C-alpha cells in the first residue's frame, strides 16, 4: 500500500507514534488509509451540512475495514460573492482547492480518496487535485437543493431571485413580490436547483465515471442521498483493500480522453453551464488529455439537446430530472443517435460506461425528451470564432431566448460595476451588444461571473433584444444571448479591448461566428495605439494569480513553468 511509506518498518516508529495520538491502534496499521476530502463550510447552502455527511462516510469506511482521515478545503459561494469584488476570488479558489488536495494526499501518502464537493469551483478544484495524486477516488457530492415555490405555487430558484432584481428595478415587481421570491427561491440545503455550474459538474462526474449513478440528481438531505454516501464509501474500500484494484482504478485510468469526451457530450445533451467548458479544459490538462476548445463544436454537431433545465426552462429542475430517470437515462437516450456518441470506458463502479446505462430509460418524456423530439439537433453549447475571438468564445445555446443571429451596436464597459451602472442607468437599448471587458482571468483578475448584468437585462425585458459579450464568464443561472470567455482577453491585447462604442458586432451561433465589422487597416491602427488597462490590486493572492494565469481558451490554468 502507498501508506506503508508512513506506517511500516522500525524507521517509521515516530510516524506511528503520531498516528496513535489520533486514535489508531495496532491493527489499523495494516489497513488502507482513506482520505476524506470534505468541502464543509457554513456559508454555502450546498455545504453547511457536509460535516454530517462526512461522519456517515467515515463510519462506513471504518465498517468496511479501512481507516478514514478527514481533511477540508475552502469554498466560495458564487451567488453570495456575485456583483461585488468578492467574485474576483471565486475562480482563483479552484487552484487553492486543487493545491490543498494534492498537498494533503501526497504529504501523508494516503491510499485512496473519497471527495465530498458540491458547489461552484469546488468540484473542478477537487478533481484537478485528485488527478495530480492519481489514486483511486470516488466523488460523492452533497446533492441538489429542492426547487422553491412562490405563494401562488410557481416554481422558482436562484435565477428567479437575480432576475427579480431587474424586474423590481424596472418597476414591474412590488417589494412584497420581491420578498416572496427572496424567502422561497432557495428552500433547503443543496446546490442551487437548476442546471447551474454546480449541478452541471455534478452530473458530468457521472458521465466521466468518477461518481456513482444519481450523484448529479438525487436531492440533498434525503434518505436516498444517504444511501448514495454509504455506497460510495463501501466501494472505495472494496478498491483500496485489493492490490489489483488499487492499480486498476487509479483516477487517470478512468478520467482519460474518453471520459472527457463523454462529459462534453452529456453537457451538450443537457445544456449545462458554460463554466463547464472552462473547468473541463482545466481537468483535461491535469489528466494529460489532448483536448482543445475547438474540439467542442465537433462533439456538439453529433449530440441532440434533449434535456432543458432551469435557467433554460424555468419549470424543470434537478429533482425533475431525477424522477425522469436521471443522467443515466439521458446517456442511454443519447446513444440511440449513433454508436459513437458515448465512448465505452472504465468507471469507478467496475462497469463500463455502456454497461452502466444499459437498463436505463426515460420515465417522463416531457422532462427528458427522446432523440426523435429534441430541443435542438445540436448540443446546448457552442464555441464561436472570428476577429473578435481568435482563440474562441463560449455561448450556452440552450439559454438563448432570441435569435441565433444578431448584429448590433457595441456599448462598451470596462468592468462589471460600470456595466451594471450603465444598464440600470438606461445606456443599453434594444439592438445593442453589451461589451464587458477587463474581466478575464488576467484582467479581472479572477474572471468574474456576469449574472448580475445578465439578470438585469432579462428582468428589464431586454433578454431577446440585446446580446452580451465578455472576456469574463457567466453563472450557470445566466440565460439569453450571452457570450463569454472571449479570448484573447482585453488585458492581453485581445480585440475585445479595442472595441469602441458604436462598432457593429455580428453574431451567428449556427455558423460559429463572433466578429466586429472593421477593416484590417482600422484594426491595425487601434492595435498600434492600444495600451491595456491594468486594475490596481490590494490582494497578494490575486496579484500572484494575475501573474500566473492563462486565458480562458486554455481553461484559465496557472503556468507552472516560467
Protein backbone atom coordinates (compact mmCIF):
# COMPACT_ATOMS: atom_id res chain seq x y z
CA UNK A 1 0.00 0.00 0.00
CA UNK A 2 1.08 3.57 -0.65
CA UNK A 3 0.53 4.39 3.02
CA UNK A 4 3.16 1.81 4.02
CA UNK A 5 5.68 4.58 3.38
CA UNK A 6 4.49 6.34 6.54
CA UNK A 7 3.44 3.38 8.70
CA UNK A 8 5.69 0.33 8.11
CA UNK A 9 9.13 -0.58 9.47
CA UNK A 10 11.14 0.37 12.52
CA UNK A 11 12.20 3.71 10.96
CA UNK A 12 8.58 4.79 10.99
CA UNK A 13 8.28 4.48 14.78
CA UNK A 14 7.87 8.29 15.16
CA UNK A 15 5.27 8.36 12.41
CA UNK A 16 3.21 5.62 14.06
CA UNK A 17 3.55 7.38 17.38
CA UNK A 18 1.96 10.50 15.89
CA UNK A 19 -0.76 8.42 14.24
CA UNK A 20 -1.53 6.70 17.56
CA UNK A 21 -2.14 10.16 19.01
CA UNK A 22 -5.09 10.43 16.62
CA UNK A 23 -6.58 7.19 17.97
CA UNK A 24 -5.07 4.48 15.75
CA UNK A 25 -4.47 1.00 17.20
CA UNK A 26 -2.13 -1.84 16.19
CA UNK A 27 -4.48 -3.42 13.67
CA UNK A 28 -5.14 -0.09 11.93
CA UNK A 29 -1.62 -0.04 10.52
CA UNK A 30 -2.47 -2.99 8.27
CA UNK A 31 -5.49 -1.23 6.79
CA UNK A 32 -5.69 1.17 3.82
CA UNK A 33 -5.68 4.85 4.74
CA UNK A 34 -8.53 6.70 3.01
CA UNK A 35 -8.50 10.46 2.62
CA UNK A 36 -11.94 12.01 3.11
CA UNK A 37 -11.67 15.39 1.37
CA UNK A 38 -14.54 17.48 2.66
CA UNK A 39 -15.60 20.94 1.50
CA UNK A 40 -17.74 21.68 4.55
CA UNK A 41 -18.20 25.42 5.06
CA UNK A 42 -21.11 27.05 6.85
CA UNK A 43 -21.78 29.98 4.50
CA UNK A 44 -22.58 27.88 1.38
CA UNK A 45 -26.09 26.32 1.20
CA UNK A 46 -24.72 23.27 -0.60
CA UNK A 47 -22.04 22.71 2.03
CA UNK A 48 -23.20 23.70 5.52
CA UNK A 49 -24.38 20.12 6.20
CA UNK A 50 -21.37 18.28 4.76
CA UNK A 51 -19.83 17.82 8.21
CA UNK A 52 -22.69 15.40 8.90
CA UNK A 53 -22.17 13.75 5.51
CA UNK A 54 -18.53 13.04 6.29
CA UNK A 55 -19.49 11.35 9.57
CA UNK A 56 -21.73 8.94 7.64
CA UNK A 57 -18.96 8.25 5.13
CA UNK A 58 -16.26 7.77 7.78
CA UNK A 59 -18.45 5.35 9.76
CA UNK A 60 -18.99 3.31 6.60
CA UNK A 61 -15.27 3.33 5.79
CA UNK A 62 -14.44 2.00 9.27
CA UNK A 63 -17.17 -0.64 8.97
CA UNK A 64 -15.60 -1.82 5.72
CA UNK A 65 -12.10 -2.35 7.05
CA UNK A 66 -10.32 0.92 6.24
CA UNK A 67 -9.13 3.96 8.18
CA UNK A 68 -10.60 7.37 7.23
CA UNK A 69 -8.76 10.65 7.62
CA UNK A 70 -10.90 13.70 7.03
CA UNK A 71 -9.47 17.00 5.85
CA UNK A 72 -11.07 20.14 4.47
CA UNK A 73 -10.80 22.52 1.55
CA UNK A 74 -12.00 26.10 1.32
CA UNK A 75 -15.06 27.13 -0.68
CA UNK A 76 -16.59 30.24 -2.23
CA UNK A 77 -20.33 30.67 -2.80
CA UNK A 78 -20.60 32.34 -6.19
CA UNK A 79 -24.12 33.59 -5.50
CA UNK A 80 -23.06 35.41 -2.34
CA UNK A 81 -19.83 36.64 -3.97
CA UNK A 82 -21.77 37.87 -7.02
CA UNK A 83 -21.94 41.52 -8.02
CA UNK A 84 -19.04 42.83 -5.90
CA UNK A 85 -15.28 42.35 -5.73
CA UNK A 86 -15.67 39.13 -3.74
CA UNK A 87 -16.27 37.41 -7.09
CA UNK A 88 -12.64 38.07 -8.01
CA UNK A 89 -11.72 35.26 -5.60
CA UNK A 90 -14.09 32.63 -6.97
CA UNK A 91 -12.18 31.15 -9.90
CA UNK A 92 -8.80 31.50 -8.13
CA UNK A 93 -10.25 29.38 -5.31
CA UNK A 94 -10.26 26.45 -7.75
CA UNK A 95 -6.46 26.48 -7.73
CA UNK A 96 -6.24 26.67 -3.94
CA UNK A 97 -8.58 23.70 -3.63
CA UNK A 98 -6.57 21.65 -6.14
CA UNK A 99 -3.35 22.51 -4.32
CA UNK A 100 -4.89 21.54 -0.97
CA UNK A 101 -5.93 18.10 -2.23
CA UNK A 102 -2.52 17.44 -3.76
CA UNK A 103 -0.73 18.64 -0.63
CA UNK A 104 -2.60 16.60 1.98
CA UNK A 105 -2.86 13.39 -0.04
CA UNK A 106 0.79 13.33 -1.10
CA UNK A 107 2.29 14.60 2.16
CA UNK A 108 0.64 11.74 4.07
CA UNK A 109 0.75 9.06 1.35
CA UNK A 110 -2.93 8.15 1.62
CA UNK A 111 -4.03 5.12 -0.40
CA UNK A 112 -7.33 6.31 -1.83
CA UNK A 113 -9.77 9.15 -1.50
CA UNK A 114 -13.43 9.93 -1.30
CA UNK A 115 -14.15 13.58 -2.13
CA UNK A 116 -17.21 15.47 -0.94
CA UNK A 117 -17.76 18.57 -3.08
CA UNK A 118 -20.98 20.21 -4.21
CA UNK A 119 -20.89 23.79 -5.50
CA UNK A 120 -19.17 26.20 -7.83
CA UNK A 121 -15.36 25.91 -8.23
CA UNK A 122 -15.06 23.27 -5.53
CA UNK A 123 -15.98 20.35 -7.79
CA UNK A 124 -13.40 21.03 -10.52
CA UNK A 125 -10.78 22.05 -7.96
CA UNK A 126 -11.13 18.71 -6.20
CA UNK A 127 -10.99 16.81 -9.49
CA UNK A 128 -7.86 18.66 -10.59
CA UNK A 129 -6.11 17.97 -7.29
CA UNK A 130 -7.14 14.32 -7.32
CA UNK A 131 -5.73 13.86 -10.82
CA UNK A 132 -2.35 15.07 -9.60
CA UNK A 133 -2.40 12.46 -6.82
CA UNK A 134 -3.78 9.70 -9.08
CA UNK A 135 -5.03 7.24 -6.50
CA UNK A 136 -8.46 5.56 -6.61
CA UNK A 137 -11.01 8.31 -5.94
CA UNK A 138 -14.79 8.45 -5.73
CA UNK A 139 -16.62 11.76 -5.78
CA UNK A 140 -19.92 11.98 -3.93
CA UNK A 141 -21.48 15.42 -3.84
CA UNK A 142 -23.85 16.90 -1.29
CA UNK A 143 -26.67 16.91 -3.85
CA UNK A 144 -29.03 19.48 -5.37
CA UNK A 145 -31.50 21.53 -3.34
CA UNK A 146 -35.24 21.37 -3.86
CA UNK A 147 -36.82 23.92 -6.15
CA UNK A 148 -38.68 26.73 -4.43
CA UNK A 149 -42.23 27.98 -4.94
CA UNK A 150 -43.83 31.39 -4.68
CA UNK A 151 -47.04 31.84 -2.68
CA UNK A 152 -49.07 31.02 -5.78
CA UNK A 153 -47.13 27.76 -6.36
CA UNK A 154 -44.90 28.90 -9.24
CA UNK A 155 -41.57 27.00 -9.28
CA UNK A 156 -38.62 29.32 -8.62
CA UNK A 157 -34.88 29.16 -7.92
CA UNK A 158 -31.83 31.37 -7.52
CA UNK A 159 -32.03 32.56 -11.13
CA UNK A 160 -35.55 33.83 -10.39
CA UNK A 161 -34.18 35.86 -7.49
CA UNK A 162 -31.47 37.51 -9.57
CA UNK A 163 -33.87 38.31 -12.42
CA UNK A 164 -36.40 39.65 -9.92
CA UNK A 165 -33.95 42.44 -9.09
CA UNK A 166 -34.14 43.61 -12.70
CA UNK A 167 -37.93 43.46 -12.70
CA UNK A 168 -38.05 45.45 -9.47
CA UNK A 169 -35.62 47.97 -10.97
CA UNK A 170 -37.91 48.33 -13.99
CA UNK A 171 -40.95 48.85 -11.75
CA UNK A 172 -42.56 45.58 -12.79
CA UNK A 173 -42.38 43.90 -9.37
CA UNK A 174 -43.52 45.09 -5.96
CA UNK A 175 -41.48 44.97 -2.76
CA UNK A 176 -43.82 42.26 -1.47
CA UNK A 177 -43.35 40.07 -4.56
CA UNK A 178 -39.59 40.53 -4.35
CA UNK A 179 -39.57 39.47 -0.68
CA UNK A 180 -41.69 36.41 -1.51
CA UNK A 181 -39.05 35.29 -4.01
CA UNK A 182 -36.19 36.09 -1.62
CA UNK A 183 -37.69 33.91 1.10
CA UNK A 184 -38.62 30.96 -1.10
CA UNK A 185 -36.15 30.67 -4.01
CA UNK A 186 -33.68 28.55 -2.01
CA UNK A 187 -35.82 26.46 0.37
CA UNK A 188 -33.26 23.94 1.62
CA UNK A 189 -29.66 22.85 1.70
CA UNK A 190 -28.04 21.69 -1.53
CA UNK A 191 -26.54 23.02 -4.73
CA UNK A 192 -28.91 25.50 -6.41
CA UNK A 193 -31.69 23.54 -8.04
CA UNK A 194 -31.18 24.31 -11.74
CA UNK A 195 -28.56 23.22 -14.27
CA UNK A 196 -26.19 25.85 -12.97
CA UNK A 197 -22.43 25.26 -12.70
CA UNK A 198 -22.55 23.09 -9.57
CA UNK A 199 -25.17 20.68 -10.84
CA UNK A 200 -23.62 20.69 -14.31
CA UNK A 201 -20.32 19.49 -12.85
CA UNK A 202 -22.04 17.03 -10.52
CA UNK A 203 -23.80 15.40 -13.48
CA UNK A 204 -20.65 15.40 -15.60
CA UNK A 205 -18.88 13.41 -12.89
CA UNK A 206 -21.41 10.66 -13.61
CA UNK A 207 -20.63 10.94 -17.32
CA UNK A 208 -16.89 10.69 -16.59
CA UNK A 209 -17.44 7.60 -14.44
CA UNK A 210 -15.86 9.07 -11.29
CA UNK A 211 -19.13 9.26 -9.31
CA UNK A 212 -21.91 6.76 -8.74
CA UNK A 213 -25.24 6.97 -10.62
CA UNK A 214 -27.53 9.57 -9.08
CA UNK A 215 -24.72 11.84 -7.94
CA UNK A 216 -25.98 14.77 -10.00
CA UNK A 217 -29.72 14.46 -9.41
CA UNK A 218 -30.62 12.81 -6.08
CA UNK A 219 -31.78 15.58 -3.74
CA UNK A 220 -29.63 16.66 -0.81
CA UNK A 221 -30.70 15.85 2.75
CA UNK A 222 -32.73 12.78 1.77
CA UNK A 223 -32.55 9.11 2.72
CA UNK A 224 -31.77 8.29 -0.91
CA UNK A 225 -28.77 10.62 -0.78
CA UNK A 226 -27.53 8.99 2.44
CA UNK A 227 -27.70 5.61 0.72
CA UNK A 228 -25.50 7.04 -2.05
CA UNK A 229 -22.91 8.21 0.51
CA UNK A 230 -22.77 4.74 2.03
CA UNK A 231 -22.44 3.04 -1.36
CA UNK A 232 -19.57 5.35 -2.29
CA UNK A 233 -17.74 4.66 0.99
CA UNK A 234 -18.20 0.92 0.66
CA UNK A 235 -16.98 0.97 -2.94
CA UNK A 236 -13.79 2.93 -2.19
CA UNK A 237 -12.95 0.38 0.49
CA UNK A 238 -13.53 -2.53 -1.89
CA UNK A 239 -10.98 -0.96 -4.21
CA UNK A 240 -8.47 0.05 -1.53
CA UNK A 241 -8.41 -3.41 0.07
CA UNK A 242 -7.41 -5.15 -3.16
CA UNK A 243 -3.92 -4.73 -4.63
CA UNK A 244 -5.02 -5.18 -8.24
CA UNK A 245 -7.98 -2.83 -7.84
CA UNK A 246 -5.83 -0.08 -6.37
CA UNK A 247 -3.85 -0.11 -9.59
CA UNK A 248 -6.77 -0.65 -11.96
CA UNK A 249 -8.91 2.17 -10.57
CA UNK A 250 -6.30 4.89 -10.34
CA UNK A 251 -8.09 8.07 -11.29
CA UNK A 252 -6.25 8.66 -14.57
CA UNK A 253 -7.26 5.17 -15.75
CA UNK A 254 -10.87 6.33 -15.56
CA UNK A 255 -10.66 10.07 -16.23
CA UNK A 256 -8.95 9.80 -19.60
CA UNK A 257 -9.65 11.22 -23.06
CA UNK A 258 -12.73 9.01 -23.45
CA UNK A 259 -14.16 10.31 -20.17
CA UNK A 260 -13.53 13.94 -21.15
CA UNK A 261 -15.31 13.46 -24.47
CA UNK A 262 -18.21 11.69 -22.76
CA UNK A 263 -18.50 14.58 -20.30
CA UNK A 264 -18.72 17.15 -23.08
CA UNK A 265 -21.29 15.03 -24.95
CA UNK A 266 -23.55 14.80 -21.87
CA UNK A 267 -23.01 18.50 -21.25
CA UNK A 268 -24.31 19.19 -24.76
CA UNK A 269 -27.33 16.93 -24.30
CA UNK A 270 -28.31 18.60 -21.02
CA UNK A 271 -27.44 22.21 -21.84
CA UNK A 272 -25.02 22.65 -18.97
CA UNK A 273 -23.39 25.82 -17.72
CA UNK A 274 -20.81 27.50 -19.97
CA UNK A 275 -18.45 27.28 -16.97
CA UNK A 276 -18.13 23.58 -17.65
CA UNK A 277 -16.04 24.42 -20.71
CA UNK A 278 -13.55 26.34 -18.58
CA UNK A 279 -13.37 23.59 -15.97
CA UNK A 280 -13.30 20.60 -18.31
CA UNK A 281 -10.41 22.14 -20.27
CA UNK A 282 -8.50 22.52 -17.00
CA UNK A 283 -9.40 18.97 -15.94
CA UNK A 284 -8.27 17.63 -19.33
CA UNK A 285 -4.88 19.29 -18.88
CA UNK A 286 -4.45 17.75 -15.42
CA UNK A 287 -5.40 14.36 -16.87
CA UNK A 288 -2.81 14.71 -19.63
CA UNK A 289 -5.54 14.63 -22.26
CA UNK A 290 -5.03 16.34 -25.61
CA UNK A 291 -8.35 18.17 -25.86
CA UNK A 292 -8.79 21.73 -27.10
CA UNK A 293 -11.58 24.28 -27.24
CA UNK A 294 -12.02 23.79 -30.98
CA UNK A 295 -12.89 20.11 -30.44
CA UNK A 296 -16.16 21.00 -28.69
CA UNK A 297 -18.13 22.02 -31.79
CA UNK A 298 -17.44 18.66 -33.45
CA UNK A 299 -19.00 16.91 -30.45
CA UNK A 300 -21.94 19.33 -30.40
CA UNK A 301 -22.83 18.52 -34.00
CA UNK A 302 -23.30 14.84 -33.08
CA UNK A 303 -25.37 15.35 -29.91
CA UNK A 304 -29.08 16.17 -29.65
CA UNK A 305 -30.09 18.60 -26.90
CA UNK A 306 -32.74 16.53 -25.09
CA UNK A 307 -32.96 17.90 -21.54
CA UNK A 308 -33.77 21.53 -20.81
CA UNK A 309 -33.46 22.59 -17.19
CA UNK A 310 -33.62 25.92 -15.35
CA UNK A 311 -32.49 28.54 -16.24
CA UNK A 312 -33.13 27.47 -19.85
CA UNK A 313 -36.59 26.16 -18.84
CA UNK A 314 -37.82 27.64 -15.59
CA UNK A 315 -40.31 24.85 -14.83
CA UNK A 316 -37.76 22.00 -14.77
CA UNK A 317 -35.20 21.39 -12.00
CA UNK A 318 -32.76 18.65 -10.98
CA UNK A 319 -35.32 16.79 -8.89
CA UNK A 320 -37.48 16.51 -12.02
CA UNK A 321 -34.56 15.05 -13.99
CA UNK A 322 -34.04 12.54 -11.18
CA UNK A 323 -37.68 11.42 -11.30
CA UNK A 324 -37.49 11.17 -15.10
CA UNK A 325 -34.61 8.68 -14.98
CA UNK A 326 -31.55 10.75 -14.13
CA UNK A 327 -28.31 11.19 -16.01
CA UNK A 328 -28.18 7.52 -16.99
CA UNK A 329 -31.48 7.90 -18.84
CA UNK A 330 -30.13 10.92 -20.70
CA UNK A 331 -27.00 8.99 -21.63
CA UNK A 332 -28.93 5.92 -22.77
CA UNK A 333 -31.18 8.05 -24.99
CA UNK A 334 -28.13 9.81 -26.45
CA UNK A 335 -26.72 6.52 -27.71
CA UNK A 336 -29.78 5.99 -29.92
CA UNK A 337 -28.48 8.65 -32.30
CA UNK A 338 -25.29 6.70 -33.03
CA UNK A 339 -22.86 4.16 -31.64
CA UNK A 340 -20.03 6.65 -31.21
CA UNK A 341 -21.92 9.34 -29.25
CA UNK A 342 -20.61 7.90 -25.98
CA UNK A 343 -17.32 6.03 -25.78
CA UNK A 344 -17.23 2.87 -23.69
CA UNK A 345 -14.83 3.39 -20.82
CA UNK A 346 -14.00 2.06 -17.35
CA UNK A 347 -15.97 3.65 -14.50
CA UNK A 348 -15.39 3.63 -10.75
CA UNK A 349 -18.23 1.11 -10.27
CA UNK A 350 -16.25 -1.51 -12.19
CA UNK A 351 -18.71 -1.41 -15.06
CA UNK A 352 -18.00 0.28 -18.36
CA UNK A 353 -19.93 3.37 -19.44
CA UNK A 354 -22.29 1.42 -21.68
CA UNK A 355 -22.75 -1.41 -19.17
CA UNK A 356 -23.70 1.16 -16.52
CA UNK A 357 -26.53 2.64 -18.61
CA UNK A 358 -27.80 -0.49 -20.34
CA UNK A 359 -31.01 -0.75 -18.28
CA UNK A 360 -31.70 2.99 -18.01
CA UNK A 361 -34.75 4.53 -19.66
CA UNK A 362 -36.71 7.76 -19.70
CA UNK A 363 -39.63 7.73 -17.25
CA UNK A 364 -41.09 11.08 -18.35
CA UNK A 365 -40.54 12.25 -21.93
CA UNK A 366 -41.91 15.68 -21.06
CA UNK A 367 -38.82 16.21 -18.89
CA UNK A 368 -36.16 14.27 -20.82
CA UNK A 369 -37.04 14.32 -24.49
CA UNK A 370 -36.33 11.50 -26.90
CA UNK A 371 -33.86 11.94 -29.74
CA UNK A 372 -36.89 12.00 -32.06
CA UNK A 373 -38.18 15.09 -30.28
CA UNK A 374 -35.10 17.10 -29.24
CA UNK A 375 -34.97 20.76 -28.32
CA UNK A 376 -32.22 21.00 -30.91
CA UNK A 377 -30.37 18.64 -33.23
CA UNK A 378 -27.11 20.09 -31.91
CA UNK A 379 -25.78 20.39 -28.38
CA UNK A 380 -26.52 23.16 -25.90
CA UNK A 381 -23.07 24.80 -26.04
CA UNK A 382 -21.12 26.31 -28.92
CA UNK A 383 -17.67 27.81 -29.47
CA UNK A 384 -17.58 30.95 -31.62
CA UNK A 385 -14.60 32.27 -33.57
CA UNK A 386 -13.78 35.35 -35.60
CA UNK A 387 -11.71 38.52 -35.47
CA UNK A 388 -13.31 39.29 -32.10
CA UNK A 389 -12.45 35.87 -30.67
CA UNK A 390 -9.41 34.48 -32.46
CA UNK A 391 -8.89 31.86 -29.76
CA UNK A 392 -12.60 31.27 -29.19
CA UNK A 393 -15.60 32.31 -27.09
CA UNK A 394 -18.35 30.26 -25.45
CA UNK A 395 -22.14 30.55 -25.61
CA UNK A 396 -24.75 28.44 -23.87
CA UNK A 397 -27.05 27.99 -26.86
CA UNK A 398 -29.57 26.21 -24.65
CA UNK A 399 -30.18 29.52 -22.89
CA UNK A 400 -30.72 31.73 -25.96
CA UNK A 401 -34.09 33.50 -25.75
CA UNK A 402 -33.99 35.47 -29.01
CA UNK A 403 -32.49 34.97 -32.46
CA UNK A 404 -29.38 32.87 -33.00
CA UNK A 405 -28.16 35.54 -35.45
CA UNK A 406 -27.64 39.04 -34.11
CA UNK A 407 -25.97 42.21 -35.40
CA UNK A 408 -25.86 45.22 -33.13
CA UNK A 409 -24.09 48.34 -31.94
CA UNK A 410 -21.40 47.93 -29.28
CA UNK A 411 -21.92 49.60 -25.90
CA UNK A 412 -18.61 49.15 -24.07
CA UNK A 413 -17.93 48.92 -20.34
CA UNK A 414 -14.52 48.47 -18.69
CA UNK A 415 -15.65 46.10 -15.98
CA UNK A 416 -18.79 44.70 -14.39
CA UNK A 417 -19.53 47.57 -11.93
CA UNK A 418 -19.51 50.07 -14.80
CA UNK A 419 -21.78 47.76 -16.81
CA UNK A 420 -24.31 47.36 -14.00
CA UNK A 421 -24.49 51.14 -13.55
CA UNK A 422 -24.88 51.61 -17.30
CA UNK A 423 -27.64 49.03 -17.65
CA UNK A 424 -29.58 50.41 -14.68
CA UNK A 425 -28.98 53.95 -16.00
CA UNK A 426 -30.58 53.20 -19.36
CA UNK A 427 -27.45 53.17 -21.53
CA UNK A 428 -28.41 49.83 -23.09
CA UNK A 429 -31.19 49.81 -25.68
CA UNK A 430 -32.83 47.17 -27.84
CA UNK A 431 -30.47 46.19 -30.67
CA UNK A 432 -27.28 46.81 -28.66
CA UNK A 433 -24.41 44.44 -27.94
CA UNK A 434 -23.23 44.95 -24.38
CA UNK A 435 -19.44 44.59 -24.13
CA UNK A 436 -17.96 43.94 -20.68
CA UNK A 437 -14.17 43.70 -20.79
CA UNK A 438 -11.22 43.53 -18.41
CA UNK A 439 -12.99 40.74 -16.57
CA UNK A 440 -10.94 37.83 -17.94
CA UNK A 441 -8.69 35.61 -15.82
CA UNK A 442 -5.85 38.13 -16.01
CA UNK A 443 -7.83 41.34 -16.46
CA UNK A 444 -10.30 40.87 -13.60
CA UNK A 445 -8.26 39.31 -12.28
CA UNK A 446 -10.23 36.19 -11.50
CA UNK A 447 -12.81 36.17 -14.31
CA UNK A 448 -15.95 37.35 -12.55
CA UNK A 449 -19.33 35.86 -13.37
CA UNK A 450 -21.73 38.23 -15.07
CA UNK A 451 -25.00 37.05 -13.54
CA UNK A 452 -25.94 40.49 -12.21
CA UNK A 453 -25.80 42.25 -15.62
CA UNK A 454 -27.47 39.39 -17.50
CA UNK A 455 -30.21 39.13 -14.87
CA UNK A 456 -30.80 42.89 -15.06
CA UNK A 457 -31.09 42.63 -18.84
CA UNK A 458 -33.60 39.78 -18.56
CA UNK A 459 -35.54 41.44 -15.75
CA UNK A 460 -35.79 44.72 -17.68
CA UNK A 461 -37.35 42.94 -20.67
CA UNK A 462 -34.31 43.17 -22.97
CA UNK A 463 -33.34 39.49 -22.90
CA UNK A 464 -34.30 38.75 -26.50
CA UNK A 465 -33.42 42.24 -27.78
CA UNK A 466 -29.74 42.60 -26.87
CA UNK A 467 -26.63 40.43 -26.81
CA UNK A 468 -23.75 40.50 -24.34
CA UNK A 469 -20.10 39.60 -24.87
CA UNK A 470 -17.38 39.49 -22.23
CA UNK A 471 -13.92 38.13 -21.56
CA UNK A 472 -15.37 37.20 -18.18
CA UNK A 473 -17.71 34.30 -17.62
CA UNK A 474 -21.30 33.58 -16.68
CA UNK A 475 -23.09 31.88 -13.87
CA UNK A 476 -24.89 28.72 -14.83
CA UNK A 477 -28.03 30.70 -13.95
CA UNK A 478 -27.46 33.06 -16.89
CA UNK A 479 -29.69 32.91 -19.94
CA UNK A 480 -30.02 34.98 -23.09
CA UNK A 481 -27.56 35.68 -25.93
CA UNK A 482 -24.62 35.81 -23.55
CA UNK A 483 -21.14 35.09 -24.94
CA UNK A 484 -18.25 34.67 -22.53
CA UNK A 485 -14.63 33.54 -22.29
CA UNK A 486 -13.69 35.80 -25.24
CA UNK A 487 -10.04 35.03 -25.95
CA UNK A 488 -7.57 36.68 -26.20
CA UNK A 489 -8.91 38.81 -23.36
CA UNK A 490 -8.64 42.62 -23.21
CA UNK A 491 -5.81 42.54 -20.67
CA UNK A 492 -3.57 40.66 -23.12
CA UNK A 493 -4.42 42.89 -26.09
CA UNK A 494 -7.39 40.98 -27.45
CA UNK A 495 -9.78 42.60 -29.94
CA UNK A 496 -12.45 42.98 -27.26
CA UNK A 497 -10.20 45.61 -25.67
CA UNK A 498 -10.01 47.58 -28.94
CA UNK A 499 -13.76 47.96 -29.42
CA UNK A 500 -15.40 51.39 -29.33
CA UNK A 501 -19.00 52.39 -28.72
CA UNK A 502 -20.95 52.09 -31.94
CA UNK A 503 -18.82 49.36 -33.56
CA UNK A 504 -21.01 46.86 -35.39
CA UNK A 505 -20.73 43.36 -33.93
CA UNK A 506 -22.01 40.29 -35.75
CA UNK A 507 -23.00 37.03 -34.04
CA UNK A 508 -24.08 33.86 -35.87
CA UNK A 509 -24.34 30.94 -33.47
CA UNK A 510 -25.07 28.29 -36.10
CA UNK A 511 -22.08 29.38 -38.17
CA UNK A 512 -19.93 29.73 -35.00
CA UNK A 513 -19.08 33.39 -35.75
CA UNK A 514 -18.26 36.32 -33.46
CA UNK A 515 -16.80 39.28 -35.32
CA UNK A 516 -16.63 43.06 -35.48
CA UNK A 517 -17.21 44.75 -38.82
CA UNK A 518 -13.92 46.66 -39.05
CA UNK A 519 -11.37 46.52 -41.85
CA UNK A 520 -7.82 45.33 -41.29
CA UNK A 521 -6.40 48.84 -41.56
CA UNK A 522 -8.60 50.17 -38.75
CA UNK A 523 -7.82 47.16 -36.54
CA UNK A 524 -4.07 47.60 -37.10
CA UNK A 525 -4.35 51.31 -36.22
CA UNK A 526 -6.17 50.54 -32.96
CA UNK A 527 -3.67 47.84 -32.01
CA UNK A 528 -0.77 50.26 -32.52
CA UNK A 529 -2.40 52.78 -30.17
CA UNK A 530 -3.66 50.27 -27.58
CA UNK A 531 -2.40 50.03 -24.02
CA UNK A 532 -4.31 47.52 -21.85
CA UNK A 533 -5.88 48.73 -18.62
CA UNK A 534 -4.27 47.18 -15.52
CA UNK A 535 -6.51 47.39 -12.49
CA UNK A 536 -4.96 48.28 -9.14
CA UNK A 537 -4.92 45.43 -6.61
CA UNK A 538 -4.70 45.26 -2.85
CA UNK A 539 -4.55 41.47 -2.70
CA UNK A 540 -1.35 39.44 -2.61
CA UNK A 541 -3.12 36.28 -3.78
CA UNK A 542 -4.83 37.98 -6.74
CA UNK A 543 -1.50 39.52 -7.70
CA UNK A 544 0.07 36.06 -7.78
CA UNK A 545 -2.89 34.73 -9.73
CA UNK A 546 -2.75 37.53 -12.33
CA UNK A 547 0.96 36.86 -12.90
CA UNK A 548 0.48 33.13 -13.45
CA UNK A 549 -2.95 32.60 -15.03
CA UNK A 550 -3.52 31.75 -18.71
CA UNK A 551 -6.60 32.82 -20.65
CA UNK A 552 -9.95 31.08 -20.84
CA UNK A 553 -9.19 29.18 -24.05
CA UNK A 554 -6.66 27.20 -22.00
CA UNK A 555 -9.05 26.65 -19.09
CA UNK A 556 -7.52 29.53 -17.07
CA UNK A 557 -4.94 27.16 -15.60
CA UNK A 558 -1.85 28.52 -13.87
CA UNK A 559 1.56 28.45 -15.52
CA UNK A 560 3.92 26.07 -13.73
CA UNK A 561 6.99 26.54 -15.91
CA UNK A 562 8.03 30.18 -16.03
